[in-house]
C-alpha cells in the first residue's frame, strides 16, 4: 500500500507503471479528487491498454465535508473516457462479484461508494444482465420503468407499492445497449431514472443518448442533480432541498402512475 498524500496525478502514474509491470493496482480515491487526474487517466491508463481498478469513495453528497468535496461529478467526466466501466453496487456480494468480473479487463474499472452506509448487508439479490442490474419487479407489458441507483435508490424502489411498475436497481451506470433492449426499456411508455448521486451529466445523460439512438418514443424523466455547484449542508437536508430524497420522488412517481 502506498500513500501518495495529496498527489492524485502521481497516484495514477504509479498505478499505470505497476500495471505495465504486470501488477494489478487498486486506486482508492475520493470522487472529488479523481477529477484532478483526468489527464493521467486518459494518457497513462487508457492509452496503455492496461487494467486499473478504482475504488471511488464518497460518491454523491458528502455533507459536512464541504461544497468543494461533493462527489456528484465523476460519472459525467468518466463516461467520456473510452473503455471505462462504472458501477455502483449496494451489497457486499455485488462488490466482490464486480471485482472478480471486471478487474482484469483493459481500461479503467470504477466502483463507486457513497459516504455513510455504502451497502446493505441483509439483501443479496443476484446481479443479472452481464452484472448490470438487479430486478425488484419486472412486467414489461405494463410499460412504466423505474431505474434507481445506490442505497437511496433501493429505498425508493422498496417504498413504491404498485406492482404495475417495473423496478430495477441499476448497478452498471453505463449499461450496454443490448442489456437495456433485453429489459424492454426501449419500448417503454414511461421511464424514470432516480440517481441522487450524480448530476444530469452522468447516467441520465448517457441514457438520453442511447434512448434517442434507438428511437425511444416514450417519456423519460430523470431525478438527478442539476448542472450546478451544491452548497455545504447535511446530506438529507440537501436532498430534500433539491426534491431528490426518496420520499419526495416516490410521491411524484406514485401520483403520475396508476395504482393497483
C-alpha atoms as a PDB file:
ATOM      1  CA  UNK A   1       0.000   0.000   0.000  1.00  0.00           C
ATOM      2  CA  UNK A   2       1.345   3.412  -0.997  1.00  0.00           C
ATOM      3  CA  UNK A   3       0.007   6.645   0.492  1.00  0.00           C
ATOM      4  CA  UNK A   4       0.848   9.326  -2.054  1.00  0.00           C
ATOM      5  CA  UNK A   5      -0.677  12.133   0.002  1.00  0.00           C
ATOM      6  CA  UNK A   6      -2.459  14.907  -1.866  1.00  0.00           C
ATOM      7  CA  UNK A   7      -0.972  13.845  -5.201  1.00  0.00           C
ATOM      8  CA  UNK A   8      -3.709  12.285  -7.284  1.00  0.00           C
ATOM      9  CA  UNK A   9      -1.830  12.607 -10.573  1.00  0.00           C
ATOM     10  CA  UNK A  10       1.103  10.718  -9.060  1.00  0.00           C
ATOM     11  CA  UNK A  11      -1.241   8.012  -7.777  1.00  0.00           C
ATOM     12  CA  UNK A  12      -2.420   7.226 -11.300  1.00  0.00           C
ATOM     13  CA  UNK A  13       1.089   7.400 -12.730  1.00  0.00           C
ATOM     14  CA  UNK A  14       2.264   4.897 -10.111  1.00  0.00           C
ATOM     15  CA  UNK A  15      -0.710   2.653 -10.809  1.00  0.00           C
ATOM     16  CA  UNK A  16      -0.068   2.674 -14.555  1.00  0.00           C
ATOM     17  CA  UNK A  17       3.609   1.867 -14.015  1.00  0.00           C
ATOM     18  CA  UNK A  18       2.727  -1.061 -11.767  1.00  0.00           C
ATOM     19  CA  UNK A  19       0.161  -2.329 -14.290  1.00  0.00           C
ATOM     20  CA  UNK A  20       2.683  -2.170 -17.126  1.00  0.00           C
ATOM     21  CA  UNK A  21       4.935  -4.401 -14.998  1.00  0.00           C
ATOM     22  CA  UNK A  22       2.186  -6.990 -14.631  1.00  0.00           C
ATOM     23  CA  UNK A  23       0.703  -5.928 -11.291  1.00  0.00           C
ATOM     24  CA  UNK A  24      -2.994  -5.325 -10.665  1.00  0.00           C
ATOM     25  CA  UNK A  25      -3.163  -1.916  -8.964  1.00  0.00           C
ATOM     26  CA  UNK A  26      -6.129  -0.632  -6.999  1.00  0.00           C
ATOM     27  CA  UNK A  27      -6.503   3.141  -6.638  1.00  0.00           C
ATOM     28  CA  UNK A  28      -8.592   4.192  -3.638  1.00  0.00           C
ATOM     29  CA  UNK A  29      -9.594   7.818  -4.151  1.00  0.00           C
ATOM     30  CA  UNK A  30     -12.255  10.374  -3.264  1.00  0.00           C
ATOM     31  CA  UNK A  31     -14.657  11.147  -6.083  1.00  0.00           C
ATOM     32  CA  UNK A  32     -13.959  14.873  -5.928  1.00  0.00           C
ATOM     33  CA  UNK A  33     -10.185  14.349  -6.135  1.00  0.00           C
ATOM     34  CA  UNK A  34     -10.387  11.958  -9.070  1.00  0.00           C
ATOM     35  CA  UNK A  35     -11.086  14.915 -11.346  1.00  0.00           C
ATOM     36  CA  UNK A  36      -7.528  16.148 -10.753  1.00  0.00           C
ATOM     37  CA  UNK A  37      -6.153  13.086 -12.521  1.00  0.00           C
ATOM     38  CA  UNK A  38      -8.330  13.164 -15.648  1.00  0.00           C
ATOM     39  CA  UNK A  39      -5.313  13.646 -17.937  1.00  0.00           C
ATOM     40  CA  UNK A  40      -3.393  10.731 -16.392  1.00  0.00           C
ATOM     41  CA  UNK A  41      -6.483   8.538 -16.688  1.00  0.00           C
ATOM     42  CA  UNK A  42      -6.602   9.049 -20.446  1.00  0.00           C
ATOM     43  CA  UNK A  43      -2.901   9.181 -21.277  1.00  0.00           C
ATOM     44  CA  UNK A  44      -1.403   6.724 -18.778  1.00  0.00           C
ATOM     45  CA  UNK A  45      -4.176   4.174 -18.254  1.00  0.00           C
ATOM     46  CA  UNK A  46      -6.438   4.117 -21.309  1.00  0.00           C
ATOM     47  CA  UNK A  47      -3.757   4.666 -23.965  1.00  0.00           C
ATOM     48  CA  UNK A  48      -1.560   1.983 -22.400  1.00  0.00           C
ATOM     49  CA  UNK A  49      -4.341  -0.652 -22.613  1.00  0.00           C
ATOM     50  CA  UNK A  50      -3.728  -1.680 -19.021  1.00  0.00           C
ATOM     51  CA  UNK A  51      -6.061  -2.643 -16.189  1.00  0.00           C
ATOM     52  CA  UNK A  52      -6.561  -0.383 -13.161  1.00  0.00           C
ATOM     53  CA  UNK A  53      -9.317  -0.728 -10.577  1.00  0.00           C
ATOM     54  CA  UNK A  54     -10.595   2.476  -8.968  1.00  0.00           C
ATOM     55  CA  UNK A  55     -12.478   2.444  -5.674  1.00  0.00           C
ATOM     56  CA  UNK A  56     -14.213   5.817  -5.798  1.00  0.00           C
ATOM     57  CA  UNK A  57     -15.059   6.828  -2.249  1.00  0.00           C
ATOM     58  CA  UNK A  58     -17.607   9.485  -1.219  1.00  0.00           C
ATOM     59  CA  UNK A  59     -19.511   9.322  -4.477  1.00  0.00           C
ATOM     60  CA  UNK A  60     -22.545  11.552  -4.143  1.00  0.00           C
ATOM     61  CA  UNK A  61     -23.156  14.167  -1.464  1.00  0.00           C
ATOM     62  CA  UNK A  62     -20.647  14.396   1.377  1.00  0.00           C
ATOM     63  CA  UNK A  63     -22.415  16.532   3.979  1.00  0.00           C
ATOM     64  CA  UNK A  64     -20.052  18.294   6.371  1.00  0.00           C
ATOM     65  CA  UNK A  65     -17.015  17.657   4.155  1.00  0.00           C
ATOM     66  CA  UNK A  66     -17.964  20.857   2.347  1.00  0.00           C
ATOM     67  CA  UNK A  67     -19.175  22.126  -1.005  1.00  0.00           C
ATOM     68  CA  UNK A  68     -15.814  21.534  -2.712  1.00  0.00           C
ATOM     69  CA  UNK A  69     -15.956  17.827  -1.818  1.00  0.00           C
ATOM     70  CA  UNK A  70     -19.346  16.940  -3.328  1.00  0.00           C
ATOM     71  CA  UNK A  71     -18.780  13.744  -5.318  1.00  0.00           C
ATOM     72  CA  UNK A  72     -21.519  14.130  -7.895  1.00  0.00           C
ATOM     73  CA  UNK A  73     -19.463  14.947 -10.989  1.00  0.00           C
ATOM     74  CA  UNK A  74     -17.309  11.867 -11.591  1.00  0.00           C
ATOM     75  CA  UNK A  75     -19.709   9.848 -13.763  1.00  0.00           C
ATOM     76  CA  UNK A  76     -20.135  12.855 -16.038  1.00  0.00           C
ATOM     77  CA  UNK A  77     -16.451  13.022 -16.919  1.00  0.00           C
ATOM     78  CA  UNK A  78     -15.554   9.327 -16.654  1.00  0.00           C
ATOM     79  CA  UNK A  79     -18.185   8.391 -19.253  1.00  0.00           C
ATOM     80  CA  UNK A  80     -16.250  10.480 -21.809  1.00  0.00           C
ATOM     81  CA  UNK A  81     -13.168   8.272 -21.372  1.00  0.00           C
ATOM     82  CA  UNK A  82     -13.070   5.293 -23.804  1.00  0.00           C
ATOM     83  CA  UNK A  83     -13.054   1.833 -22.255  1.00  0.00           C
ATOM     84  CA  UNK A  84     -14.324   2.904 -18.836  1.00  0.00           C
ATOM     85  CA  UNK A  85     -16.868   0.958 -16.796  1.00  0.00           C
ATOM     86  CA  UNK A  86     -18.606   2.481 -13.775  1.00  0.00           C
ATOM     87  CA  UNK A  87     -20.506   0.528 -11.131  1.00  0.00           C
ATOM     88  CA  UNK A  88     -22.499   1.364  -8.018  1.00  0.00           C
ATOM     89  CA  UNK A  89     -23.051  -1.878  -6.044  1.00  0.00           C
ATOM     90  CA  UNK A  90     -25.254  -1.881  -2.969  1.00  0.00           C
ATOM     91  CA  UNK A  91     -24.400  -5.215  -1.320  1.00  0.00           C
ATOM     92  CA  UNK A  92     -21.132  -6.813  -0.232  1.00  0.00           C
ATOM     93  CA  UNK A  93     -21.530  -9.773  -2.580  1.00  0.00           C
ATOM     94  CA  UNK A  94     -22.024  -7.442  -5.525  1.00  0.00           C
ATOM     95  CA  UNK A  95     -18.759  -5.677  -4.738  1.00  0.00           C
ATOM     96  CA  UNK A  96     -16.820  -8.928  -4.797  1.00  0.00           C
ATOM     97  CA  UNK A  97     -18.631 -10.119  -7.923  1.00  0.00           C
ATOM     98  CA  UNK A  98     -17.731  -6.930  -9.791  1.00  0.00           C
ATOM     99  CA  UNK A  99     -14.074  -7.071  -8.729  1.00  0.00           C
ATOM    100  CA  UNK A 100     -13.814 -10.686  -9.900  1.00  0.00           C
ATOM    101  CA  UNK A 101     -15.767  -9.954 -13.079  1.00  0.00           C
ATOM    102  CA  UNK A 102     -14.167  -6.777 -14.385  1.00  0.00           C
ATOM    103  CA  UNK A 103     -10.863  -6.252 -12.604  1.00  0.00           C
ATOM    104  CA  UNK A 104      -8.605  -7.660 -15.303  1.00  0.00           C
ATOM    105  CA  UNK A 105     -10.271  -6.052 -18.320  1.00  0.00           C
ATOM    106  CA  UNK A 106      -8.164  -3.418 -20.134  1.00  0.00           C
ATOM    107  CA  UNK A 107      -9.084   0.117 -19.143  1.00  0.00           C
ATOM    108  CA  UNK A 108     -10.409   1.743 -16.013  1.00  0.00           C
ATOM    109  CA  UNK A 109     -12.984  -0.009 -13.848  1.00  0.00           C
ATOM    110  CA  UNK A 110     -14.634   2.332 -11.329  1.00  0.00           C
ATOM    111  CA  UNK A 111     -16.622   1.122  -8.333  1.00  0.00           C
ATOM    112  CA  UNK A 112     -18.391   3.962  -6.512  1.00  0.00           C
ATOM    113  CA  UNK A 113     -19.164   4.098  -2.786  1.00  0.00           C
ATOM    114  CA  UNK A 114     -21.217   6.804  -1.047  1.00  0.00           C
ATOM    115  CA  UNK A 115     -20.472   8.423   2.295  1.00  0.00           C
ATOM    116  CA  UNK A 116     -22.311   6.873   5.192  1.00  0.00           C
ATOM    117  CA  UNK A 117     -23.824   3.414   4.842  1.00  0.00           C
ATOM    118  CA  UNK A 118     -22.485   2.276   1.462  1.00  0.00           C
ATOM    119  CA  UNK A 119     -24.106  -1.159   1.240  1.00  0.00           C
ATOM    120  CA  UNK A 120     -26.981  -3.177   2.584  1.00  0.00           C
ATOM    121  CA  UNK A 121     -25.850  -6.334   4.353  1.00  0.00           C
ATOM    122  CA  UNK A 122     -29.239  -8.062   4.645  1.00  0.00           C
ATOM    123  CA  UNK A 123     -30.176  -8.085   0.954  1.00  0.00           C
ATOM    124  CA  UNK A 124     -28.209 -10.127  -1.570  1.00  0.00           C
ATOM    125  CA  UNK A 125     -30.028 -10.060  -4.924  1.00  0.00           C
ATOM    126  CA  UNK A 126     -28.037 -11.664  -7.699  1.00  0.00           C
ATOM    127  CA  UNK A 127     -26.601  -9.424 -10.389  1.00  0.00           C
ATOM    128  CA  UNK A 128     -28.102 -10.028 -13.824  1.00  0.00           C
ATOM    129  CA  UNK A 129     -27.531  -8.904 -17.415  1.00  0.00           C
ATOM    130  CA  UNK A 130     -23.740  -9.067 -17.564  1.00  0.00           C
ATOM    131  CA  UNK A 131     -23.660  -7.883 -13.941  1.00  0.00           C
ATOM    132  CA  UNK A 132     -25.505  -4.704 -14.879  1.00  0.00           C
ATOM    133  CA  UNK A 133     -28.605  -4.704 -12.657  1.00  0.00           C
ATOM    134  CA  UNK A 134     -30.880  -6.463 -10.191  1.00  0.00           C
ATOM    135  CA  UNK A 135     -34.639  -6.794 -10.635  1.00  0.00           C
ATOM    136  CA  UNK A 136     -37.166  -5.987  -7.910  1.00  0.00           C
ATOM    137  CA  UNK A 137     -40.172  -6.273 -10.238  1.00  0.00           C
ATOM    138  CA  UNK A 138     -40.335  -6.845 -13.997  1.00  0.00           C
ATOM    139  CA  UNK A 139     -43.564  -6.932 -16.024  1.00  0.00           C
ATOM    140  CA  UNK A 140     -42.606  -5.214 -19.312  1.00  0.00           C
ATOM    141  CA  UNK A 141     -46.155  -5.273 -20.632  1.00  0.00           C
ATOM    142  CA  UNK A 142     -47.053  -2.597 -18.068  1.00  0.00           C
ATOM    143  CA  UNK A 143     -44.825  -0.078 -19.821  1.00  0.00           C
ATOM    144  CA  UNK A 144     -43.551   2.002 -16.885  1.00  0.00           C
ATOM    145  CA  UNK A 145     -39.993   1.535 -15.599  1.00  0.00           C
ATOM    146  CA  UNK A 146     -38.209   2.970 -12.578  1.00  0.00           C
ATOM    147  CA  UNK A 147     -34.423   2.621 -12.655  1.00  0.00           C
ATOM    148  CA  UNK A 148     -32.692   3.508  -9.399  1.00  0.00           C
ATOM    149  CA  UNK A 149     -29.111   3.724  -8.162  1.00  0.00           C
ATOM    150  CA  UNK A 150     -27.414   3.110  -4.807  1.00  0.00           C
ATOM    151  CA  UNK A 151     -28.819   2.785  -1.267  1.00  0.00           C
ATOM    152  CA  UNK A 152     -31.228   5.706  -1.736  1.00  0.00           C
ATOM    153  CA  UNK A 153     -32.395   4.070  -4.935  1.00  0.00           C
ATOM    154  CA  UNK A 154     -33.050   0.844  -3.072  1.00  0.00           C
ATOM    155  CA  UNK A 155     -35.020   2.814  -0.501  1.00  0.00           C
ATOM    156  CA  UNK A 156     -37.099   4.415  -3.252  1.00  0.00           C
ATOM    157  CA  UNK A 157     -37.962   1.178  -5.028  1.00  0.00           C
ATOM    158  CA  UNK A 158     -38.821  -0.520  -1.747  1.00  0.00           C
ATOM    159  CA  UNK A 159     -41.328   2.244  -0.965  1.00  0.00           C
ATOM    160  CA  UNK A 160     -43.132   2.075  -4.321  1.00  0.00           C
ATOM    161  CA  UNK A 161     -46.130  -0.161  -3.741  1.00  0.00           C
ATOM    162  CA  UNK A 162     -47.617  -0.610  -7.200  1.00  0.00           C
ATOM    163  CA  UNK A 163     -46.919  -3.974  -8.842  1.00  0.00           C
ATOM    164  CA  UNK A 164     -47.522  -2.273 -12.199  1.00  0.00           C
ATOM    165  CA  UNK A 165     -44.112  -0.616 -12.018  1.00  0.00           C
ATOM    166  CA  UNK A 166     -41.021  -2.299 -13.438  1.00  0.00           C
ATOM    167  CA  UNK A 167     -38.480  -1.694 -10.681  1.00  0.00           C
ATOM    168  CA  UNK A 168     -34.797  -2.213 -11.462  1.00  0.00           C
ATOM    169  CA  UNK A 169     -31.678  -1.400  -9.475  1.00  0.00           C
ATOM    170  CA  UNK A 170     -29.057  -0.185 -11.937  1.00  0.00           C
ATOM    171  CA  UNK A 171     -25.562  -1.273 -10.872  1.00  0.00           C
ATOM    172  CA  UNK A 172     -23.708  -0.694 -14.160  1.00  0.00           C
ATOM    173  CA  UNK A 173     -24.053   3.073 -14.623  1.00  0.00           C
ATOM    174  CA  UNK A 174     -23.231   2.851 -18.336  1.00  0.00           C
ATOM    175  CA  UNK A 175     -25.227  -0.275 -19.267  1.00  0.00           C
ATOM    176  CA  UNK A 176     -24.704  -1.804 -22.686  1.00  0.00           C
ATOM    177  CA  UNK A 177     -27.426  -1.198 -25.227  1.00  0.00           C
ATOM    178  CA  UNK A 178     -28.303  -4.887 -25.555  1.00  0.00           C
ATOM    179  CA  UNK A 179     -28.883  -5.040 -21.796  1.00  0.00           C
ATOM    180  CA  UNK A 180     -31.415  -2.213 -21.977  1.00  0.00           C
ATOM    181  CA  UNK A 181     -33.049  -3.793 -25.015  1.00  0.00           C
ATOM    182  CA  UNK A 182     -33.414  -7.168 -23.293  1.00  0.00           C
ATOM    183  CA  UNK A 183     -35.188  -5.458 -20.392  1.00  0.00           C
ATOM    184  CA  UNK A 184     -37.699  -3.951 -22.813  1.00  0.00           C
ATOM    185  CA  UNK A 185     -36.754  -0.394 -21.910  1.00  0.00           C
ATOM    186  CA  UNK A 186     -36.648   0.930 -25.481  1.00  0.00           C
ATOM    187  CA  UNK A 187     -40.355   0.178 -25.890  1.00  0.00           C
ATOM    188  CA  UNK A 188     -41.378   1.614 -22.507  1.00  0.00           C
ATOM    189  CA  UNK A 189     -44.142   4.180 -22.346  1.00  0.00           C
ATOM    190  CA  UNK A 190     -42.552   5.974 -19.413  1.00  0.00           C
ATOM    191  CA  UNK A 191     -39.066   5.660 -17.949  1.00  0.00           C
ATOM    192  CA  UNK A 192     -37.895   7.133 -14.647  1.00  0.00           C
ATOM    193  CA  UNK A 193     -34.277   7.343 -13.520  1.00  0.00           C
ATOM    194  CA  UNK A 194     -33.524   8.100  -9.886  1.00  0.00           C
ATOM    195  CA  UNK A 195     -29.866   8.996  -9.378  1.00  0.00           C
ATOM    196  CA  UNK A 196     -29.293  11.136  -6.257  1.00  0.00           C
ATOM    197  CA  UNK A 197     -25.533  10.500  -6.502  1.00  0.00           C
ATOM    198  CA  UNK A 198     -24.739  12.355  -9.751  1.00  0.00           C
ATOM    199  CA  UNK A 199     -25.653  15.301 -11.918  1.00  0.00           C
ATOM    200  CA  UNK A 200     -27.737  15.133 -15.073  1.00  0.00           C
ATOM    201  CA  UNK A 201     -24.439  14.760 -16.956  1.00  0.00           C
ATOM    202  CA  UNK A 202     -23.999  11.265 -15.502  1.00  0.00           C
ATOM    203  CA  UNK A 203     -26.150   8.214 -16.176  1.00  0.00           C
ATOM    204  CA  UNK A 204     -29.124  10.435 -17.076  1.00  0.00           C
ATOM    205  CA  UNK A 205     -27.191  11.941 -19.994  1.00  0.00           C
ATOM    206  CA  UNK A 206     -25.904   8.534 -21.087  1.00  0.00           C
ATOM    207  CA  UNK A 207     -29.406   7.037 -21.134  1.00  0.00           C
ATOM    208  CA  UNK A 208     -30.766  10.047 -23.022  1.00  0.00           C
ATOM    209  CA  UNK A 209     -28.240   9.470 -25.797  1.00  0.00           C
ATOM    210  CA  UNK A 210     -28.958   5.736 -26.011  1.00  0.00           C
ATOM    211  CA  UNK A 211     -32.732   6.225 -25.990  1.00  0.00           C
ATOM    212  CA  UNK A 212     -32.503   8.819 -28.763  1.00  0.00           C
ATOM    213  CA  UNK A 213     -30.322   6.484 -30.821  1.00  0.00           C
ATOM    214  CA  UNK A 214     -32.949   3.745 -30.575  1.00  0.00           C
ATOM    215  CA  UNK A 215     -35.883   5.985 -31.473  1.00  0.00           C
ATOM    216  CA  UNK A 216     -37.422   5.954 -27.995  1.00  0.00           C
ATOM    217  CA  UNK A 217     -40.978   7.282 -28.215  1.00  0.00           C
ATOM    218  CA  UNK A 218     -41.878   7.216 -24.543  1.00  0.00           C
ATOM    219  CA  UNK A 219     -41.364   9.786 -21.797  1.00  0.00           C
ATOM    220  CA  UNK A 220     -38.028   9.903 -19.952  1.00  0.00           C
ATOM    221  CA  UNK A 221     -37.954  11.606 -16.526  1.00  0.00           C
ATOM    222  CA  UNK A 222     -34.632  11.992 -14.691  1.00  0.00           C
ATOM    223  CA  UNK A 223     -34.192  12.730 -10.997  1.00  0.00           C
ATOM    224  CA  UNK A 224     -30.574  13.835 -10.561  1.00  0.00           C
ATOM    225  CA  UNK A 225     -28.712  16.995  -9.578  1.00  0.00           C
ATOM    226  CA  UNK A 226     -28.826  19.973 -11.902  1.00  0.00           C
ATOM    227  CA  UNK A 227     -25.600  21.205 -13.513  1.00  0.00           C
ATOM    228  CA  UNK A 228     -24.604  23.472 -10.655  1.00  0.00           C
ATOM    229  CA  UNK A 229     -22.483  23.602  -7.524  1.00  0.00           C
ATOM    230  CA  UNK A 230     -24.111  22.105  -4.443  1.00  0.00           C
ATOM    231  CA  UNK A 231     -23.589  24.054  -1.184  1.00  0.00           C
ATOM    232  CA  UNK A 232     -22.492  22.844   2.234  1.00  0.00           C
ATOM    233  CA  UNK A 233     -25.121  21.064   4.307  1.00  0.00           C
ATOM    234  CA  UNK A 234     -26.430  17.838   5.770  1.00  0.00           C
ATOM    235  CA  UNK A 235     -26.952  15.198   3.082  1.00  0.00           C
ATOM    236  CA  UNK A 236     -30.620  14.601   3.867  1.00  0.00           C
ATOM    237  CA  UNK A 237     -31.320  18.345   4.013  1.00  0.00           C
ATOM    238  CA  UNK A 238     -29.670  18.928   0.639  1.00  0.00           C
ATOM    239  CA  UNK A 239     -31.613  16.056  -0.938  1.00  0.00           C
ATOM    240  CA  UNK A 240     -34.885  17.468   0.380  1.00  0.00           C
ATOM    241  CA  UNK A 241     -33.970  20.961  -0.802  1.00  0.00           C
ATOM    242  CA  UNK A 242     -33.493  19.610  -4.330  1.00  0.00           C
ATOM    243  CA  UNK A 243     -36.573  17.324  -4.013  1.00  0.00           C
ATOM    244  CA  UNK A 244     -34.278  14.330  -4.557  1.00  0.00           C
ATOM    245  CA  UNK A 245     -34.928  12.465  -1.313  1.00  0.00           C
ATOM    246  CA  UNK A 246     -36.572   9.041  -1.796  1.00  0.00           C
ATOM    247  CA  UNK A 247     -39.877  10.098  -0.211  1.00  0.00           C
ATOM    248  CA  UNK A 248     -40.333  13.164  -2.435  1.00  0.00           C
ATOM    249  CA  UNK A 249     -39.503  11.231  -5.593  1.00  0.00           C
ATOM    250  CA  UNK A 250     -41.743   8.305  -4.602  1.00  0.00           C
ATOM    251  CA  UNK A 251     -44.680  10.681  -4.086  1.00  0.00           C
ATOM    252  CA  UNK A 252     -44.168  12.202  -7.546  1.00  0.00           C
ATOM    253  CA  UNK A 253     -43.945   8.825  -9.266  1.00  0.00           C
ATOM    254  CA  UNK A 254     -46.987   7.385  -7.488  1.00  0.00           C
ATOM    255  CA  UNK A 255     -49.016  10.482  -8.344  1.00  0.00           C
ATOM    256  CA  UNK A 256     -48.191  10.104 -12.034  1.00  0.00           C
ATOM    257  CA  UNK A 257     -48.557   6.322 -12.299  1.00  0.00           C
ATOM    258  CA  UNK A 258     -51.673   4.155 -11.931  1.00  0.00           C
ATOM    259  CA  UNK A 259     -52.054   2.130  -8.737  1.00  0.00           C
ATOM    260  CA  UNK A 260     -53.258  -1.426  -8.264  1.00  0.00           C
END
